[in-house]
């Protein structure tokens, strides 16, 4: 919050160049964007975990099917 307040205060200074204005605006917008991006990241982690579990299950099912196929005459 202190960084956000400092960036907002710095924007009040006259004579800032375009690069500094863009940098300060980025600092101000970052806290708004972070929760959304973090939620997307967390969702991806959940999906990745589920995918890995499904892959293990598929491998197990394939091994089981191969064992059953070997037992058939």
Protein backbone atom coordinates (compact mmCIF):
# COMPACT_ATOMS: atom_id res chain seq x y z
CA UNK A 1 0.00 0.00 0.00
CA UNK A 2 2.89 2.34 0.70
CA UNK A 3 4.31 1.75 -2.77
CA UNK A 4 0.91 2.40 -4.31
CA UNK A 5 0.50 5.64 -2.37
CA UNK A 6 4.03 6.74 -3.29
CA UNK A 7 3.39 6.07 -6.98
CA UNK A 8 0.14 8.03 -6.88
CA UNK A 9 1.86 10.91 -5.10
CA UNK A 10 4.71 10.86 -7.64
CA UNK A 11 2.21 11.23 -10.49
CA UNK A 12 1.17 14.57 -9.02
CA UNK A 13 4.60 16.03 -9.78
CA UNK A 14 4.65 18.24 -12.85
CA UNK A 15 7.14 17.69 -15.65
CA UNK A 16 7.37 13.88 -15.51
CA UNK A 17 8.50 12.31 -18.75
CA UNK A 18 6.34 9.77 -20.55
CA UNK A 19 8.47 6.81 -19.47
CA UNK A 20 8.19 7.71 -15.78
CA UNK A 21 4.43 8.22 -16.09
CA UNK A 22 4.03 4.79 -17.69
CA UNK A 23 6.19 3.21 -15.00
CA UNK A 24 4.18 4.79 -12.20
CA UNK A 25 0.88 3.84 -13.82
CA UNK A 26 2.12 0.26 -14.08
CA UNK A 27 2.90 0.26 -10.37
CA UNK A 28 -0.59 1.54 -9.65
CA UNK A 29 -2.32 -1.01 -11.91
CA UNK A 30 -0.31 -4.02 -10.74
CA UNK A 31 -2.29 -4.58 -7.51
CA UNK A 32 -5.51 -4.62 -9.53
CA UNK A 33 -4.24 -7.24 -11.98
CA UNK A 34 -2.33 -9.47 -9.53
CA UNK A 35 -5.34 -11.18 -7.86
CA UNK A 36 -6.83 -12.11 -11.24
CA UNK A 37 -3.56 -13.51 -12.58
CA UNK A 38 -2.90 -15.38 -9.34
CA UNK A 39 -6.35 -16.97 -9.52
CA UNK A 40 -5.64 -18.08 -13.10
CA UNK A 41 -2.31 -19.54 -11.96
CA UNK A 42 -3.96 -21.38 -9.06
CA UNK A 43 -6.59 -22.81 -11.43
CA UNK A 44 -3.81 -24.03 -13.73
CA UNK A 45 -2.09 -25.75 -10.81
CA UNK A 46 -5.32 -27.56 -9.91
CA UNK A 47 -5.87 -28.64 -13.51
CA UNK A 48 -2.26 -29.79 -13.81
CA UNK A 49 -2.57 -31.86 -10.61
CA UNK A 50 -5.78 -33.49 -11.86
CA UNK A 51 -4.14 -34.21 -15.22
CA UNK A 52 -1.18 -35.90 -13.55
CA UNK A 53 -3.56 -38.04 -11.46
CA UNK A 54 -5.48 -39.03 -14.58
CA UNK A 55 -2.24 -39.94 -16.38
CA UNK A 56 -1.28 -42.23 -13.49
CA UNK A 57 -4.70 -43.83 -13.60
CA UNK A 58 -4.44 -44.39 -17.37
CA UNK A 59 -1.01 -45.99 -16.98
CA UNK A 60 -2.42 -48.29 -14.30
CA UNK A 61 -5.39 -49.22 -16.48
CA UNK A 62 -3.11 -49.96 -19.44
CA UNK A 63 -0.91 -52.21 -17.31
CA UNK A 64 -3.98 -53.99 -16.00
CA UNK A 65 -5.32 -54.48 -19.51
CA UNK A 66 -1.95 -55.82 -20.67
CA UNK A 67 -1.87 -58.34 -17.80
CA UNK A 68 -5.39 -59.52 -18.65
CA UNK A 69 -4.45 -59.82 -22.33
CA UNK A 70 -1.40 -61.95 -21.43
CA UNK A 71 -3.53 -64.34 -19.36
CA UNK A 72 -5.84 -65.09 -22.29
CA UNK A 73 -4.93 -68.19 -24.29
